N, C-alpha and C. Protein backbone atom coordinates (compact mmCIF):
# COMPACT_ATOMS: atom_id res chain seq x y z
N MET A 1 50.17 68.85 75.22
CA MET A 1 48.90 68.46 74.62
C MET A 1 48.02 69.69 74.38
N LYS A 2 48.02 70.63 75.36
CA LYS A 2 47.21 71.84 75.19
C LYS A 2 47.70 72.66 74.01
N SER A 3 49.01 72.67 73.81
CA SER A 3 49.58 73.42 72.69
C SER A 3 49.13 72.83 71.35
N ILE A 4 49.07 71.51 71.27
CA ILE A 4 48.62 70.86 70.04
C ILE A 4 47.16 71.18 69.77
N LYS A 5 46.31 71.10 70.80
CA LYS A 5 44.90 71.42 70.63
C LYS A 5 44.72 72.87 70.19
N LYS A 6 45.51 73.77 70.78
CA LYS A 6 45.43 75.18 70.42
C LYS A 6 45.79 75.37 68.94
N HIS A 7 46.85 74.70 68.48
CA HIS A 7 47.26 74.81 67.08
C HIS A 7 46.20 74.22 66.14
N ILE A 8 45.59 73.14 66.55
CA ILE A 8 44.54 72.53 65.72
C ILE A 8 43.35 73.47 65.61
N ILE A 9 42.95 74.09 66.71
CA ILE A 9 41.83 75.03 66.68
C ILE A 9 42.15 76.23 65.80
N ILE A 10 43.36 76.75 65.90
CA ILE A 10 43.77 77.88 65.07
C ILE A 10 43.76 77.46 63.59
N TYR A 11 44.28 76.27 63.29
CA TYR A 11 44.30 75.76 61.92
C TYR A 11 42.89 75.65 61.36
N ILE A 12 41.97 75.10 62.14
CA ILE A 12 40.59 74.95 61.69
C ILE A 12 39.95 76.31 61.47
N ALA A 13 40.18 77.25 62.38
CA ALA A 13 39.62 78.60 62.24
C ALA A 13 40.13 79.28 60.97
N ILE A 14 41.41 79.18 60.71
CA ILE A 14 41.99 79.79 59.50
C ILE A 14 41.41 79.13 58.25
N THR A 15 41.28 77.81 58.28
CA THR A 15 40.72 77.10 57.14
C THR A 15 39.29 77.53 56.86
N ILE A 16 38.49 77.69 57.90
CA ILE A 16 37.11 78.13 57.72
C ILE A 16 37.07 79.55 57.16
N ILE A 17 37.93 80.42 57.64
CA ILE A 17 37.98 81.80 57.13
C ILE A 17 38.34 81.79 55.65
N ILE A 18 39.31 80.98 55.27
CA ILE A 18 39.70 80.90 53.87
C ILE A 18 38.55 80.34 53.03
N THR A 19 37.86 79.32 53.54
CA THR A 19 36.72 78.74 52.83
C THR A 19 35.65 79.78 52.57
N VAL A 20 35.30 80.53 53.60
CA VAL A 20 34.28 81.57 53.47
C VAL A 20 34.72 82.63 52.46
N SER A 21 35.99 83.01 52.52
CA SER A 21 36.50 84.02 51.59
C SER A 21 36.41 83.55 50.14
N ILE A 22 36.77 82.30 49.90
CA ILE A 22 36.70 81.77 48.54
C ILE A 22 35.25 81.71 48.06
N CYS A 23 34.36 81.30 48.95
CA CYS A 23 32.94 81.25 48.56
C CYS A 23 32.42 82.64 48.21
N PHE A 24 32.80 83.65 48.99
CA PHE A 24 32.36 85.00 48.69
C PHE A 24 32.94 85.47 47.37
N TYR A 25 34.17 85.09 47.09
CA TYR A 25 34.75 85.43 45.81
C TYR A 25 33.93 84.82 44.68
N LEU A 26 33.60 83.53 44.81
CA LEU A 26 32.79 82.86 43.78
C LEU A 26 31.45 83.55 43.61
N ILE A 27 30.79 83.86 44.74
CA ILE A 27 29.46 84.46 44.69
C ILE A 27 29.52 85.84 44.04
N ASN A 28 30.48 86.66 44.45
CA ASN A 28 30.55 88.03 43.96
C ASN A 28 30.99 88.12 42.51
N ASN A 29 31.55 87.07 41.96
CA ASN A 29 31.99 87.10 40.58
C ASN A 29 31.06 86.33 39.64
N LEU A 30 29.88 86.02 40.14
CA LEU A 30 28.90 85.33 39.30
C LEU A 30 28.13 86.34 38.47
N SER A 31 27.74 85.89 37.31
CA SER A 31 26.85 86.71 36.49
C SER A 31 25.46 86.66 37.10
N LEU A 32 24.77 87.76 37.13
CA LEU A 32 23.43 87.80 37.68
C LEU A 32 22.38 87.32 36.69
N VAL A 33 22.83 87.05 35.47
CA VAL A 33 21.90 86.60 34.45
C VAL A 33 21.73 85.09 34.57
N ASN A 34 20.53 84.64 34.79
CA ASN A 34 20.25 83.20 34.83
C ASN A 34 19.77 82.76 33.47
N ALA A 35 20.16 81.57 33.09
CA ALA A 35 19.66 80.99 31.85
C ALA A 35 18.18 80.71 31.99
N GLU A 36 17.47 80.73 30.86
CA GLU A 36 16.05 80.43 30.92
C GLU A 36 15.85 79.03 31.47
N LYS A 37 14.80 78.88 32.25
CA LYS A 37 14.49 77.57 32.82
C LYS A 37 13.98 76.66 31.70
N GLN A 38 14.46 75.43 31.71
CA GLN A 38 14.02 74.46 30.71
C GLN A 38 12.86 73.65 31.28
N GLN A 39 12.08 73.06 30.39
CA GLN A 39 10.99 72.21 30.84
C GLN A 39 11.53 70.94 31.48
N GLY A 40 12.56 70.37 30.95
CA GLY A 40 13.17 69.17 31.50
C GLY A 40 14.66 69.41 31.66
N PHE A 41 15.39 68.40 32.12
CA PHE A 41 16.82 68.55 32.23
C PHE A 41 17.47 67.19 32.04
N LYS A 42 18.75 67.18 31.76
CA LYS A 42 19.45 65.93 31.56
C LYS A 42 20.01 65.45 32.89
N LEU A 43 19.69 64.26 33.23
CA LEU A 43 20.21 63.63 34.43
C LEU A 43 21.50 62.96 34.02
N LEU A 44 22.65 63.53 34.43
CA LEU A 44 23.92 63.10 33.89
C LEU A 44 24.22 61.63 34.13
N SER A 45 23.90 61.12 35.31
CA SER A 45 24.24 59.73 35.58
C SER A 45 23.22 58.78 34.98
N ASP A 46 22.20 59.30 34.34
CA ASP A 46 21.20 58.46 33.67
C ASP A 46 21.41 58.53 32.16
N LYS A 47 22.63 58.77 31.75
CA LYS A 47 23.05 58.77 30.35
C LYS A 47 22.23 59.72 29.47
N GLY A 48 21.93 60.90 30.00
CA GLY A 48 21.33 61.94 29.20
C GLY A 48 19.84 61.84 28.97
N LYS A 49 19.15 60.91 29.57
CA LYS A 49 17.70 60.82 29.39
C LYS A 49 17.03 62.04 30.02
N ILE A 50 16.01 62.55 29.36
CA ILE A 50 15.27 63.68 29.91
C ILE A 50 14.25 63.14 30.91
N ILE A 51 14.26 63.73 32.10
CA ILE A 51 13.28 63.31 33.10
C ILE A 51 12.53 64.54 33.58
N ALA A 52 11.40 64.32 34.21
CA ALA A 52 10.57 65.43 34.69
C ALA A 52 11.22 66.06 35.91
N LYS A 53 11.04 67.37 36.03
CA LYS A 53 11.58 68.09 37.18
C LYS A 53 10.70 67.87 38.40
N GLY A 54 11.36 67.81 39.54
CA GLY A 54 10.63 67.75 40.80
C GLY A 54 10.34 69.15 41.29
N LYS A 55 9.84 69.26 42.49
CA LYS A 55 9.53 70.57 43.06
C LYS A 55 10.50 70.90 44.18
N LEU A 56 10.95 72.14 44.17
CA LEU A 56 11.84 72.63 45.21
C LEU A 56 11.10 72.65 46.54
N PRO A 57 11.71 72.17 47.62
CA PRO A 57 11.02 72.26 48.91
C PRO A 57 10.75 73.72 49.26
N LEU A 58 9.68 73.96 49.97
CA LEU A 58 9.31 75.33 50.34
C LEU A 58 10.11 75.84 51.54
N LYS A 59 10.70 74.92 52.29
CA LYS A 59 11.46 75.32 53.47
C LYS A 59 12.64 74.39 53.65
N ASP A 60 13.52 74.75 54.59
CA ASP A 60 14.66 73.89 54.89
C ASP A 60 14.16 72.51 55.30
N THR A 61 14.90 71.51 54.90
CA THR A 61 14.47 70.14 55.19
C THR A 61 15.68 69.24 55.39
N THR A 62 15.45 68.13 56.05
CA THR A 62 16.47 67.09 56.18
C THR A 62 15.90 65.83 55.56
N VAL A 63 16.65 65.26 54.64
CA VAL A 63 16.24 64.06 53.94
C VAL A 63 17.10 62.90 54.45
N ILE A 64 16.50 61.76 54.66
CA ILE A 64 17.26 60.55 54.98
C ILE A 64 17.34 59.73 53.71
N LEU A 65 18.55 59.53 53.23
CA LEU A 65 18.76 58.80 51.99
C LEU A 65 19.80 57.72 52.25
N ASP A 66 19.41 56.47 52.15
CA ASP A 66 20.29 55.34 52.46
C ASP A 66 20.88 55.48 53.87
N ASN A 67 20.03 55.83 54.81
CA ASN A 67 20.40 55.98 56.23
C ASN A 67 21.40 57.10 56.49
N ARG A 68 21.53 58.05 55.57
CA ARG A 68 22.41 59.21 55.75
C ARG A 68 21.55 60.46 55.72
N LYS A 69 21.83 61.38 56.64
CA LYS A 69 21.10 62.65 56.65
C LYS A 69 21.69 63.58 55.60
N VAL A 70 20.80 64.26 54.90
CA VAL A 70 21.19 65.27 53.92
C VAL A 70 20.44 66.53 54.30
N TYR A 71 21.18 67.56 54.69
CA TYR A 71 20.59 68.83 55.12
C TYR A 71 20.44 69.74 53.92
N ILE A 72 19.23 70.24 53.72
CA ILE A 72 18.94 71.11 52.58
C ILE A 72 18.40 72.44 53.11
N LYS A 73 19.05 73.52 52.71
CA LYS A 73 18.59 74.86 53.07
C LYS A 73 18.15 75.55 51.78
N ILE A 74 16.97 76.13 51.81
CA ILE A 74 16.38 76.74 50.62
C ILE A 74 16.37 78.27 50.78
N THR A 75 16.85 78.95 49.77
CA THR A 75 16.87 80.41 49.79
C THR A 75 15.45 80.96 49.63
N SER A 76 15.20 82.09 50.25
CA SER A 76 13.90 82.76 50.09
C SER A 76 13.91 83.67 48.86
N LYS A 77 15.07 83.84 48.27
CA LYS A 77 15.22 84.67 47.08
C LYS A 77 15.05 83.80 45.82
N LYS A 78 15.09 84.44 44.65
CA LYS A 78 15.06 83.69 43.41
C LYS A 78 16.32 82.82 43.35
N SER A 79 16.13 81.54 43.12
CA SER A 79 17.25 80.60 43.15
C SER A 79 18.21 80.84 41.99
N ARG A 80 19.51 80.94 42.33
CA ARG A 80 20.55 81.09 41.32
C ARG A 80 21.32 79.79 41.12
N GLY A 81 21.11 78.82 42.00
CA GLY A 81 21.84 77.58 41.91
C GLY A 81 21.99 76.96 43.29
N THR A 82 22.89 76.00 43.39
CA THR A 82 23.03 75.25 44.63
C THR A 82 24.50 75.04 44.96
N PHE A 83 24.84 75.17 46.23
CA PHE A 83 26.17 74.85 46.74
C PHE A 83 26.12 73.49 47.42
N LEU A 84 27.05 72.62 47.09
CA LEU A 84 27.24 71.35 47.78
C LEU A 84 28.41 71.54 48.73
N LEU A 85 28.14 71.46 50.03
CA LEU A 85 29.17 71.65 51.05
C LEU A 85 29.54 70.31 51.65
N LEU A 86 30.81 69.91 51.48
CA LEU A 86 31.29 68.63 52.00
C LEU A 86 32.19 68.88 53.20
N HIS A 87 31.84 68.29 54.31
CA HIS A 87 32.59 68.50 55.56
C HIS A 87 33.83 67.61 55.61
N GLY A 88 34.65 67.85 56.61
CA GLY A 88 35.86 67.05 56.81
C GLY A 88 35.55 65.71 57.46
N TRP A 89 36.56 64.88 57.55
CA TRP A 89 36.44 63.51 58.05
C TRP A 89 35.88 63.52 59.47
N ASN A 90 34.73 62.90 59.65
CA ASN A 90 34.07 62.72 60.93
C ASN A 90 33.64 64.04 61.59
N LEU A 91 33.52 65.10 60.83
CA LEU A 91 33.00 66.35 61.36
C LEU A 91 31.50 66.41 61.06
N PRO A 92 30.74 67.13 61.87
CA PRO A 92 29.30 67.23 61.59
C PRO A 92 29.03 68.00 60.29
N ALA A 93 28.08 67.51 59.52
CA ALA A 93 27.70 68.18 58.27
C ALA A 93 27.11 69.55 58.55
N THR A 94 26.58 69.75 59.74
CA THR A 94 25.94 71.02 60.09
C THR A 94 26.94 72.10 60.50
N ASP A 95 28.22 71.75 60.65
CA ASP A 95 29.22 72.74 61.05
C ASP A 95 29.29 73.93 60.10
N TRP A 96 29.09 73.68 58.81
CA TRP A 96 29.15 74.78 57.84
C TRP A 96 28.18 75.90 58.24
N CYS A 97 26.97 75.53 58.65
CA CYS A 97 25.96 76.54 58.98
C CYS A 97 26.00 76.93 60.45
N ASP A 98 26.35 76.00 61.32
CA ASP A 98 26.34 76.28 62.76
C ASP A 98 27.54 77.09 63.22
N LYS A 99 28.68 76.92 62.57
CA LYS A 99 29.91 77.53 63.06
C LYS A 99 30.50 78.59 62.15
N THR A 100 29.86 78.84 61.01
CA THR A 100 30.33 79.89 60.11
C THR A 100 29.13 80.70 59.63
N SER A 101 29.40 81.78 58.95
CA SER A 101 28.32 82.61 58.39
C SER A 101 28.09 82.30 56.91
N ILE A 102 28.76 81.29 56.39
CA ILE A 102 28.69 81.00 54.96
C ILE A 102 27.27 80.69 54.50
N CYS A 103 26.52 79.92 55.28
CA CYS A 103 25.17 79.55 54.85
C CYS A 103 24.26 80.77 54.76
N GLU A 104 24.33 81.61 55.77
CA GLU A 104 23.50 82.82 55.77
C GLU A 104 23.82 83.68 54.54
N LYS A 105 25.09 83.83 54.23
CA LYS A 105 25.48 84.67 53.10
C LYS A 105 25.10 84.04 51.77
N LEU A 106 25.25 82.72 51.65
CA LEU A 106 24.84 82.05 50.42
C LEU A 106 23.34 82.16 50.20
N LEU A 107 22.57 81.94 51.25
CA LEU A 107 21.11 82.04 51.16
C LEU A 107 20.69 83.45 50.76
N ASN A 108 21.34 84.46 51.33
CA ASN A 108 21.03 85.85 51.00
C ASN A 108 21.39 86.21 49.56
N LYS A 109 22.35 85.49 48.99
CA LYS A 109 22.75 85.72 47.59
C LYS A 109 21.90 84.91 46.61
N GLY A 110 20.96 84.10 47.12
CA GLY A 110 20.06 83.37 46.24
C GLY A 110 20.49 81.93 45.95
N PHE A 111 21.33 81.36 46.79
CA PHE A 111 21.77 79.99 46.57
C PHE A 111 21.14 79.05 47.58
N ASN A 112 20.78 77.87 47.10
CA ASN A 112 20.35 76.78 47.98
C ASN A 112 21.61 76.05 48.44
N ILE A 113 21.48 75.32 49.54
CA ILE A 113 22.64 74.64 50.12
C ILE A 113 22.28 73.19 50.40
N VAL A 114 23.18 72.30 50.03
CA VAL A 114 23.04 70.88 50.36
C VAL A 114 24.30 70.46 51.10
N SER A 115 24.11 69.85 52.27
CA SER A 115 25.24 69.39 53.07
C SER A 115 24.96 67.97 53.56
N PRO A 116 25.48 66.97 52.85
CA PRO A 116 25.23 65.58 53.26
C PRO A 116 26.15 65.16 54.40
N ASP A 117 25.63 64.30 55.27
CA ASP A 117 26.44 63.74 56.35
C ASP A 117 27.24 62.58 55.77
N MET A 118 28.52 62.81 55.53
CA MET A 118 29.38 61.79 54.94
C MET A 118 30.14 60.99 56.00
N GLY A 119 29.98 61.35 57.27
CA GLY A 119 30.63 60.60 58.34
C GLY A 119 32.14 60.55 58.16
N LYS A 120 32.68 59.33 58.15
CA LYS A 120 34.12 59.13 58.00
C LYS A 120 34.49 58.70 56.58
N SER A 121 33.70 59.14 55.62
CA SER A 121 33.96 58.77 54.24
C SER A 121 35.31 59.32 53.78
N VAL A 122 36.02 58.51 53.00
CA VAL A 122 37.24 58.98 52.35
C VAL A 122 37.00 59.14 50.85
N TYR A 123 35.72 59.09 50.44
CA TYR A 123 35.29 59.34 49.07
C TYR A 123 35.91 58.36 48.07
N GLN A 124 36.11 57.13 48.52
CA GLN A 124 36.62 56.12 47.60
C GLN A 124 35.55 55.80 46.56
N GLY A 125 35.99 55.33 45.40
CA GLY A 125 35.05 54.99 44.33
C GLY A 125 34.13 53.84 44.71
N LYS A 126 34.66 52.87 45.41
CA LYS A 126 33.87 51.74 45.89
C LYS A 126 34.63 51.08 47.02
N ASN A 127 33.97 50.16 47.69
CA ASN A 127 34.62 49.42 48.75
C ASN A 127 35.27 48.17 48.16
N TYR A 128 36.51 47.92 48.56
CA TYR A 128 37.24 46.75 48.12
C TYR A 128 37.39 45.79 49.30
N PHE A 129 37.85 44.61 49.01
CA PHE A 129 38.10 43.63 50.06
C PHE A 129 39.06 44.20 51.10
N GLU A 130 40.03 44.99 50.64
CA GLU A 130 41.05 45.56 51.53
C GLU A 130 40.55 46.80 52.29
N THR A 131 39.39 47.33 51.92
CA THR A 131 38.86 48.52 52.60
C THR A 131 38.62 48.19 54.07
N ARG A 132 39.08 49.07 54.95
CA ARG A 132 38.90 48.85 56.38
C ARG A 132 37.42 48.64 56.68
N ILE A 133 37.13 47.67 57.50
CA ILE A 133 35.75 47.29 57.79
C ILE A 133 34.93 48.48 58.31
N GLU A 134 35.51 49.29 59.19
CA GLU A 134 34.75 50.41 59.76
C GLU A 134 34.47 51.50 58.72
N TRP A 135 35.21 51.53 57.63
CA TRP A 135 34.96 52.53 56.58
C TRP A 135 33.89 52.08 55.60
N ARG A 136 33.51 50.82 55.62
CA ARG A 136 32.53 50.31 54.68
C ARG A 136 31.12 50.81 54.99
N ASN A 137 30.92 51.36 56.18
CA ASN A 137 29.60 51.84 56.59
C ASN A 137 29.31 53.25 56.09
N TYR A 138 30.31 53.92 55.54
CA TYR A 138 30.15 55.32 55.15
C TYR A 138 29.97 55.45 53.65
N PRO A 139 29.29 56.52 53.22
CA PRO A 139 29.02 56.69 51.79
C PRO A 139 30.31 56.84 50.98
N THR A 140 30.26 56.42 49.75
CA THR A 140 31.40 56.54 48.85
C THR A 140 31.17 57.71 47.89
N ARG A 141 32.17 57.98 47.11
CA ARG A 141 32.05 59.00 46.06
C ARG A 141 30.90 58.63 45.13
N MET A 142 30.74 57.36 44.84
CA MET A 142 29.68 56.94 43.92
C MET A 142 28.29 57.17 44.52
N TRP A 143 28.18 57.14 45.85
CA TRP A 143 26.89 57.47 46.48
C TRP A 143 26.52 58.91 46.16
N LEU A 144 27.51 59.82 46.22
CA LEU A 144 27.24 61.21 45.86
C LEU A 144 26.82 61.33 44.40
N SER A 145 27.57 60.67 43.53
CA SER A 145 27.37 60.83 42.09
C SER A 145 26.19 60.05 41.53
N ASP A 146 26.00 58.83 42.01
CA ASP A 146 24.95 57.97 41.45
C ASP A 146 23.64 58.01 42.22
N THR A 147 23.68 58.46 43.46
CA THR A 147 22.46 58.44 44.29
C THR A 147 22.03 59.84 44.69
N LEU A 148 22.89 60.54 45.42
CA LEU A 148 22.48 61.83 46.01
C LEU A 148 22.14 62.88 44.95
N ILE A 149 23.07 63.18 44.08
CA ILE A 149 22.83 64.27 43.11
C ILE A 149 21.66 63.95 42.18
N PRO A 150 21.57 62.73 41.60
CA PRO A 150 20.38 62.43 40.77
C PRO A 150 19.07 62.49 41.56
N PHE A 151 19.08 62.05 42.82
CA PHE A 151 17.89 62.12 43.66
C PHE A 151 17.47 63.58 43.85
N LEU A 152 18.42 64.46 44.16
CA LEU A 152 18.10 65.87 44.39
C LEU A 152 17.65 66.55 43.10
N GLN A 153 18.20 66.14 41.97
CA GLN A 153 17.76 66.70 40.69
C GLN A 153 16.30 66.32 40.42
N LYS A 154 16.00 65.06 40.58
CA LYS A 154 14.68 64.56 40.23
C LYS A 154 13.61 64.99 41.24
N LYS A 155 13.90 64.86 42.52
CA LYS A 155 12.91 65.11 43.56
C LYS A 155 12.73 66.60 43.86
N TYR A 156 13.83 67.35 43.89
CA TYR A 156 13.77 68.73 44.37
C TYR A 156 14.25 69.77 43.35
N SER A 157 14.60 69.37 42.15
CA SER A 157 15.09 70.31 41.13
C SER A 157 16.31 71.08 41.59
N LEU A 158 17.17 70.44 42.34
CA LEU A 158 18.44 71.03 42.73
C LEU A 158 19.54 70.49 41.82
N PHE A 159 20.61 71.23 41.66
CA PHE A 159 21.74 70.85 40.81
C PHE A 159 21.31 70.64 39.36
N LEU A 160 20.47 71.54 38.88
CA LEU A 160 20.07 71.48 37.48
C LEU A 160 21.21 71.98 36.60
N ASN A 161 21.28 71.45 35.39
CA ASN A 161 22.38 71.80 34.48
C ASN A 161 22.39 73.28 34.10
N ASN A 162 21.24 73.91 34.08
CA ASN A 162 21.17 75.30 33.61
C ASN A 162 21.31 76.30 34.75
N GLU A 163 21.71 75.87 35.93
CA GLU A 163 21.91 76.78 37.06
C GLU A 163 23.39 76.83 37.43
N LYS A 164 23.70 77.76 38.28
CA LYS A 164 25.08 77.93 38.73
C LYS A 164 25.27 77.11 40.01
N ASN A 165 25.94 75.99 39.88
CA ASN A 165 26.17 75.09 41.01
C ASN A 165 27.64 75.09 41.36
N TYR A 166 27.92 74.98 42.66
CA TYR A 166 29.29 75.03 43.15
C TYR A 166 29.52 73.96 44.20
N LEU A 167 30.78 73.58 44.34
CA LEU A 167 31.22 72.60 45.33
C LEU A 167 32.23 73.25 46.26
N VAL A 168 32.11 72.97 47.56
CA VAL A 168 33.11 73.42 48.53
C VAL A 168 33.36 72.27 49.49
N GLY A 169 34.63 71.98 49.74
CA GLY A 169 34.96 70.90 50.66
C GLY A 169 36.13 71.27 51.53
N LEU A 170 36.08 70.78 52.76
CA LEU A 170 37.14 71.03 53.73
C LEU A 170 37.80 69.71 54.09
N SER A 171 39.13 69.67 54.09
CA SER A 171 39.89 68.50 54.50
C SER A 171 39.54 67.31 53.62
N THR A 172 39.01 66.23 54.19
CA THR A 172 38.65 65.08 53.37
C THR A 172 37.52 65.45 52.41
N GLY A 173 36.68 66.40 52.79
CA GLY A 173 35.64 66.90 51.89
C GLY A 173 36.23 67.54 50.64
N ALA A 174 37.45 68.11 50.77
CA ALA A 174 38.14 68.68 49.61
C ALA A 174 38.50 67.58 48.62
N ARG A 175 38.88 66.42 49.14
CA ARG A 175 39.12 65.27 48.26
C ARG A 175 37.83 64.91 47.52
N GLY A 176 36.72 64.94 48.26
CA GLY A 176 35.42 64.66 47.65
C GLY A 176 35.10 65.64 46.54
N VAL A 177 35.43 66.91 46.74
CA VAL A 177 35.19 67.93 45.71
C VAL A 177 35.92 67.56 44.43
N ALA A 178 37.20 67.24 44.54
CA ALA A 178 37.99 66.92 43.35
C ALA A 178 37.43 65.69 42.63
N LEU A 179 37.01 64.69 43.39
CA LEU A 179 36.51 63.46 42.77
C LEU A 179 35.12 63.62 42.18
N VAL A 180 34.25 64.39 42.83
CA VAL A 180 32.91 64.62 42.27
C VAL A 180 33.01 65.43 40.98
N LEU A 181 33.97 66.34 40.91
CA LEU A 181 34.17 67.10 39.68
C LEU A 181 34.53 66.19 38.50
N LEU A 182 35.20 65.09 38.78
CA LEU A 182 35.50 64.14 37.71
C LEU A 182 34.23 63.51 37.16
N ASP A 183 33.24 63.28 38.04
CA ASP A 183 31.99 62.67 37.62
C ASP A 183 31.05 63.67 36.94
N PHE A 184 31.13 64.94 37.31
CA PHE A 184 30.23 65.98 36.79
C PHE A 184 31.02 67.19 36.30
N PRO A 185 31.80 67.05 35.24
CA PRO A 185 32.64 68.17 34.81
C PRO A 185 31.86 69.38 34.31
N ASP A 186 30.61 69.19 33.88
CA ASP A 186 29.83 70.30 33.33
C ASP A 186 28.74 70.80 34.26
N LEU A 187 28.49 70.11 35.34
CA LEU A 187 27.39 70.48 36.24
C LEU A 187 27.78 71.63 37.16
N PHE A 188 29.03 71.67 37.58
CA PHE A 188 29.49 72.68 38.54
C PHE A 188 30.31 73.75 37.84
N LYS A 189 30.00 75.02 38.19
CA LYS A 189 30.68 76.16 37.58
C LYS A 189 32.01 76.45 38.25
N GLY A 190 32.18 76.00 39.49
CA GLY A 190 33.40 76.25 40.22
C GLY A 190 33.44 75.43 41.49
N ALA A 191 34.64 75.39 42.08
CA ALA A 191 34.81 74.59 43.30
C ALA A 191 35.93 75.16 44.14
N ALA A 192 35.85 74.88 45.43
CA ALA A 192 36.93 75.24 46.36
C ALA A 192 37.24 74.00 47.17
N ALA A 193 38.47 73.50 47.02
CA ALA A 193 38.93 72.34 47.78
C ALA A 193 39.98 72.84 48.76
N LEU A 194 39.61 72.90 50.03
CA LEU A 194 40.45 73.54 51.04
C LEU A 194 41.09 72.53 51.97
N SER A 195 42.40 72.63 52.11
CA SER A 195 43.17 71.76 53.00
C SER A 195 42.90 70.30 52.74
N GLY A 196 42.85 69.93 51.48
CA GLY A 196 42.54 68.55 51.10
C GLY A 196 43.60 67.57 51.54
N ASP A 197 43.16 66.36 51.83
CA ASP A 197 44.11 65.31 52.19
C ASP A 197 43.95 64.13 51.26
């Protein structure tokens, strides 16, 4: 049993190192030129209607949205865009910042960070009659696409179309990355789906 735990810890450590490396690659290969800020923006899930921009929070904040915590870290530099970090199945959403240096490096490069608590989500499109009862309590892929991202666009001006936005997911979060990209093919400039299941 100890050998299995040791291998799992090594696997997780290697996966985190690879995740951080890919994120640094994405960051270092970005153009430093930002597009001019627009007065309004298109809210993709609202069928292209122009809505007013919200205001970026002045400091890190935690938002409760549909009884789920969403951790938001705001860069002190000029904002270049936002990273959406999706954790693995039943892992804490705060692990990205608490157990790696990725958040510090992203913030220093001018990126905001959003890390929603997805719990044991498997990023299904919706819940079906056959969906396991205990999984029905967790957010779905549609919660990310129809609720979270539009809310952050409208309320906090995050994930705007004219900024450089990226997705990173680990394990089941990697599945979420692939599925969210289907919903927002033009919103994200790049993604890293690591050890997806």
